[in-house]
Amino acid sequence: MNEHIAVQSNVMLSMHNVSYSYDGASQKALKQVSAGFQSGKVTAVIGKSGAGKSTFLSLISGLDLPTEGNIYLRGEDLSLRNRDDYRAQDIGVIFQSFNLLTNVSAVQNIVLSMFISKSTVKNKKEYGYQLLEQMGISRETAGRKVLKLSGGEQQRVGIARALAHNPSIIIADEPTGNLDQETEEDILRILTRLAHEENRCVIIVTHSQKVTSIADVVFQMKQGILSPFQQGESKQKSRVARRYRHE
């Protein structure tokens, strides 16, 4: 499987025989995980609580390193890179709880993120407004403090912030977990567009079946083992997938 991953030119991020053990734990949290994540595709990773999803997220986000195996970014071993630079430049993370600065405006959240990532964009505030407008946030709304925004609006700000440094990889941790059905559909449509129209590698970790219906690739995490998710190609899945890809 490792050779198959290596020869695919559109694989942005890959894991090769990755295992992880927490100090003092008798069992591995991840066990011999091998997978490739491609640009231009939405990949969903589903699993129950305690299945290993949080450990998986921590590793692909560069917060920790595997105890066994390797993670590669465009073929380069992540353990040999500056992982602070990796997080600030190569990936954008979207959180279920938004993780925004609530006492400043939406656009200020974007600008601050750009400073942290050492963005070279000169007019950062204008660029922030443009990103937010692409997410459906008007300039008037962008000037409001985050505390005054709805949950759906805050998640749109979170996506704009994740895009502020133009990363190749978007990692979303339960991005629709706190949203109503209509807003969930809007957010999934945005994430699909980021992959299919902007050729980004989008990885969504979730328990939502709706996310699996719009994903190009679906993996299941169970007891630390990552494997292809086996599910029938139902009429409902096909219908939902077509709607998100063409709207």
Protein backbone atom coordinates (compact mmCIF):
# COMPACT_ATOMS: atom_id res chain seq x y z
CA MET A 1 0.00 0.00 0.00
CA ASN A 2 2.87 2.35 0.75
CA GLU A 3 4.20 2.11 -2.81
CA HIS A 4 0.72 2.84 -4.17
CA ILE A 5 0.51 5.98 -2.03
CA ALA A 6 3.96 7.17 -3.06
CA VAL A 7 3.33 7.07 -6.82
CA GLN A 8 0.16 9.16 -6.78
CA SER A 9 1.26 12.64 -7.76
CA ASN A 10 -1.83 14.31 -6.33
CA VAL A 11 -1.32 12.93 -2.82
CA MET A 12 -0.73 15.95 -0.63
CA LEU A 13 -0.44 14.25 2.76
CA SER A 14 0.29 10.61 3.47
CA MET A 15 0.68 8.31 6.47
CA HIS A 16 2.90 5.25 6.27
CA ASN A 17 2.54 2.56 8.94
CA VAL A 18 1.78 5.18 11.58
CA SER A 19 1.22 4.08 15.15
CA TYR A 20 0.94 6.15 18.30
CA SER A 21 1.11 5.27 21.98
CA TYR A 22 0.46 7.60 24.88
CA ASP A 23 2.86 7.46 27.81
CA GLY A 24 1.83 4.76 30.24
CA ALA A 25 -0.88 3.36 27.95
CA SER A 26 -1.00 -0.41 27.46
CA GLN A 27 -2.56 -0.16 24.00
CA LYS A 28 -1.76 1.90 20.94
CA ALA A 29 -4.13 4.76 20.13
CA LEU A 30 -3.32 4.35 16.41
CA LYS A 31 -2.23 1.09 14.84
CA GLN A 32 -0.26 0.84 11.58
CA VAL A 33 -2.24 3.51 9.74
CA SER A 34 -1.41 3.94 6.06
CA ALA A 35 -3.40 6.31 3.86
CA GLY A 36 -3.01 9.03 1.25
CA PHE A 37 -5.00 12.28 1.15
CA GLN A 38 -5.34 13.87 -2.26
CA SER A 39 -5.66 17.43 -3.46
CA GLY A 40 -8.95 18.18 -5.16
CA LYS A 41 -10.85 15.71 -3.00
CA VAL A 42 -12.88 15.71 0.20
CA THR A 43 -11.81 12.88 2.49
CA ALA A 44 -13.99 12.02 5.49
CA VAL A 45 -12.78 10.07 8.51
CA ILE A 46 -15.62 8.77 10.65
CA GLY A 47 -15.58 7.00 13.97
CA LYS A 48 -17.09 6.86 17.42
CA SER A 49 -15.70 8.61 20.47
CA GLY A 50 -12.51 6.91 21.60
CA ALA A 51 -11.83 5.37 18.19
CA GLY A 52 -8.60 7.34 17.67
CA LYS A 53 -9.87 10.36 15.72
CA SER A 54 -8.39 12.94 18.11
CA THR A 55 -4.97 11.25 17.94
CA PHE A 56 -5.23 11.16 14.16
CA LEU A 57 -6.04 14.88 14.10
CA SER A 58 -3.15 15.69 16.43
CA LEU A 59 -0.69 13.89 14.17
CA ILE A 60 -1.81 15.26 10.79
CA SER A 61 -1.99 18.74 12.33
CA GLY A 62 1.65 18.49 13.38
CA LEU A 63 0.93 18.80 17.09
CA ASP A 64 2.70 15.52 17.79
CA LEU A 65 4.81 12.94 15.98
CA PRO A 66 4.11 9.23 15.51
CA THR A 67 5.80 6.79 17.85
CA GLU A 68 6.14 4.51 14.80
CA GLY A 69 5.95 5.18 11.09
CA ASN A 70 6.06 8.41 9.09
CA ILE A 71 3.83 11.22 7.86
CA TYR A 72 4.78 12.93 4.60
CA LEU A 73 3.85 16.31 3.14
CA ARG A 74 4.34 16.18 -0.64
CA GLY A 75 6.80 13.35 -0.06
CA GLU A 76 8.81 15.14 2.64
CA ASP A 77 8.96 13.56 6.09
CA LEU A 78 7.06 15.82 8.46
CA SER A 79 9.44 14.97 11.32
CA LEU A 80 12.21 16.75 9.42
CA ARG A 81 10.23 19.96 8.97
CA ASN A 82 9.64 22.86 11.31
CA ARG A 83 6.18 21.89 12.51
CA ASP A 84 5.35 25.44 13.62
CA ASP A 85 5.86 26.53 10.02
CA TYR A 86 3.81 23.56 8.82
CA ARG A 87 0.85 24.59 10.98
CA ALA A 88 1.19 28.27 10.10
CA GLN A 89 1.65 27.87 6.35
CA ASP A 90 0.63 24.48 4.96
CA ILE A 91 -2.57 23.61 6.82
CA GLY A 92 -5.70 25.43 7.89
CA VAL A 93 -7.74 23.98 10.75
CA ILE A 94 -11.50 24.39 11.25
CA PHE A 95 -12.84 23.61 14.71
CA GLN A 96 -16.24 22.42 15.91
CA SER A 97 -16.22 25.05 18.68
CA PHE A 98 -14.94 27.74 16.24
CA ASN A 99 -12.01 28.82 18.53
CA LEU A 100 -12.35 32.47 17.55
CA LEU A 101 -11.36 35.53 19.54
CA THR A 102 -14.80 36.62 20.69
CA ASN A 103 -13.96 40.13 21.92
CA VAL A 104 -12.77 41.37 18.50
CA SER A 105 -14.49 41.57 15.13
CA ALA A 106 -14.69 38.83 12.54
CA VAL A 107 -12.29 40.59 10.19
CA GLN A 108 -9.82 41.21 13.02
CA ASN A 109 -9.72 37.46 13.61
CA ILE A 110 -8.61 37.02 10.01
CA VAL A 111 -6.01 39.80 10.19
CA LEU A 112 -4.49 38.45 13.40
CA SER A 113 -4.23 34.99 11.87
CA MET A 114 -2.40 36.47 8.88
CA PHE A 115 0.12 38.19 11.14
CA ILE A 116 0.74 34.92 13.01
CA SER A 117 1.34 33.06 9.75
CA LYS A 118 3.64 35.86 8.54
CA SER A 119 1.47 36.54 5.50
CA THR A 120 3.07 38.85 2.94
CA VAL A 121 -0.28 40.32 1.87
CA LYS A 122 0.04 44.10 2.25
CA ASN A 123 -3.55 45.11 2.89
CA LYS A 124 -4.50 42.35 5.29
CA LYS A 125 -7.79 43.89 6.37
CA GLU A 126 -9.07 44.23 2.81
CA TYR A 127 -7.97 40.66 2.09
CA GLY A 128 -9.83 39.57 5.22
CA TYR A 129 -13.01 41.27 4.03
CA GLN A 130 -12.67 39.52 0.66
CA LEU A 131 -12.25 36.10 2.29
CA LEU A 132 -15.28 36.67 4.50
CA GLU A 133 -17.37 37.80 1.54
CA GLN A 134 -16.47 34.54 -0.22
CA MET A 135 -17.88 32.74 2.83
CA GLY A 136 -21.12 34.73 2.67
CA ILE A 137 -20.23 37.26 5.39
CA SER A 138 -20.98 40.88 4.44
CA ARG A 139 -18.63 43.72 5.31
CA GLU A 140 -21.10 45.00 7.86
CA THR A 141 -21.25 41.62 9.59
CA ALA A 142 -17.47 41.26 9.33
CA GLY A 143 -17.09 44.41 11.44
CA ARG A 144 -19.12 43.00 14.32
CA LYS A 145 -17.62 41.34 17.36
CA VAL A 146 -17.70 37.57 17.11
CA LEU A 147 -19.90 37.36 20.21
CA LYS A 148 -22.70 38.98 18.24
CA LEU A 149 -22.58 36.44 15.40
CA SER A 150 -24.68 33.30 15.04
CA GLY A 151 -23.11 29.84 15.17
CA GLY A 152 -23.28 29.52 11.40
CA GLU A 153 -21.66 32.91 10.91
CA GLN A 154 -18.92 32.05 13.37
CA GLN A 155 -18.14 28.84 11.51
CA ARG A 156 -17.91 30.78 8.24
CA VAL A 157 -15.44 33.10 9.95
CA GLY A 158 -13.56 30.02 11.14
CA ILE A 159 -13.28 28.76 7.57
CA ALA A 160 -12.10 32.16 6.33
CA ARG A 161 -9.49 32.23 9.08
CA ALA A 162 -8.29 28.76 8.06
CA LEU A 163 -7.86 30.08 4.50
CA ALA A 164 -6.10 33.30 5.50
CA HIS A 165 -2.62 31.99 4.68
CA ASN A 166 -3.79 30.09 1.57
CA PRO A 167 -2.99 26.56 2.80
CA SER A 168 -2.97 23.52 0.55
CA ILE A 169 -4.61 21.35 3.21
CA ILE A 170 -7.82 22.04 5.14
CA ILE A 171 -8.42 19.94 8.26
CA ALA A 172 -11.91 20.16 9.71
CA ASP A 173 -12.75 18.73 13.13
CA GLU A 174 -16.52 18.10 13.33
CA PRO A 175 -17.13 21.37 11.43
CA THR A 176 -20.92 20.99 11.45
CA GLY A 177 -21.37 19.45 14.89
CA ASN A 178 -22.89 22.59 16.47
CA LEU A 179 -24.96 23.72 13.49
CA ASP A 180 -28.56 23.30 12.35
CA GLN A 181 -29.31 21.26 9.24
CA GLU A 182 -29.58 24.18 6.81
CA THR A 183 -26.33 25.75 8.00
CA GLU A 184 -24.63 22.35 7.93
CA GLU A 185 -25.50 22.02 4.26
CA ASP A 186 -24.08 25.49 3.54
CA ILE A 187 -20.81 24.69 5.32
CA LEU A 188 -20.43 21.34 3.53
CA ARG A 189 -21.04 23.08 0.22
CA ILE A 190 -18.20 25.51 0.99
CA LEU A 191 -15.83 22.67 1.96
CA THR A 192 -16.71 20.79 -1.22
CA ARG A 193 -15.98 23.90 -3.29
CA LEU A 194 -12.58 24.31 -1.62
CA ALA A 195 -11.63 20.82 -2.81
CA HIS A 196 -13.27 20.57 -6.20
CA GLU A 197 -12.87 24.14 -7.45
CA GLU A 198 -9.74 25.31 -5.62
CA ASN A 199 -7.93 21.94 -5.68
CA ARG A 200 -7.25 21.86 -1.95
CA CYS A 201 -6.90 18.70 0.09
CA VAL A 202 -9.87 18.71 2.48
CA ILE A 203 -9.91 16.25 5.39
CA ILE A 204 -13.02 16.15 7.57
CA VAL A 205 -13.11 14.19 10.83
CA THR A 206 -16.71 13.57 11.81
CA HIS A 207 -19.46 11.25 12.96
CA SER A 208 -21.98 12.80 10.56
CA GLN A 209 -23.40 10.51 7.90
CA LYS A 210 -24.25 13.57 5.81
CA VAL A 211 -20.55 14.34 5.52
CA THR A 212 -19.85 10.84 4.21
CA SER A 213 -22.50 11.39 1.52
CA ILE A 214 -20.60 14.33 0.00
CA ALA A 215 -17.07 13.01 0.50
CA ASP A 216 -15.03 11.62 -2.38
CA VAL A 217 -13.20 9.21 -0.07
CA VAL A 218 -14.42 7.84 3.27
CA PHE A 219 -12.34 6.09 5.91
CA GLN A 220 -13.53 4.57 9.16
CA MET A 221 -11.53 4.79 12.36
CA LYS A 222 -12.18 1.92 14.78
CA GLN A 223 -10.01 0.99 17.75
CA GLY A 224 -7.10 2.90 16.27
CA ILE A 225 -7.31 1.21 12.87
CA LEU A 226 -8.08 3.24 9.75
CA SER A 227 -9.77 1.37 6.90
CA PRO A 228 -11.95 2.20 3.87
CA PHE A 229 -15.55 2.71 4.90
CA GLN A 230 -17.79 0.11 3.34
CA GLN A 231 -21.23 1.38 2.48
CA GLY A 232 -23.72 0.82 -0.30
CA GLU A 233 -24.07 3.45 -3.01
CA SER A 234 -27.65 4.28 -2.10
CA LYS A 235 -29.89 6.57 -4.13
CA GLN A 236 -29.90 9.00 -1.21
CA LYS A 237 -26.08 9.17 -1.16
CA SER A 238 -25.88 9.75 -4.90
CA ARG A 239 -28.56 12.45 -4.80
CA VAL A 240 -26.96 14.35 -1.92
CA ALA A 241 -23.50 14.12 -3.44
CA ARG A 242 -24.68 15.49 -6.78
CA ARG A 243 -26.42 18.40 -5.06
CA TYR A 244 -23.31 19.50 -3.16
CA ARG A 245 -21.04 19.18 -6.17
CA HIS A 246 -23.15 21.15 -8.60
CA GLU A 247 -24.87 23.83 -6.51
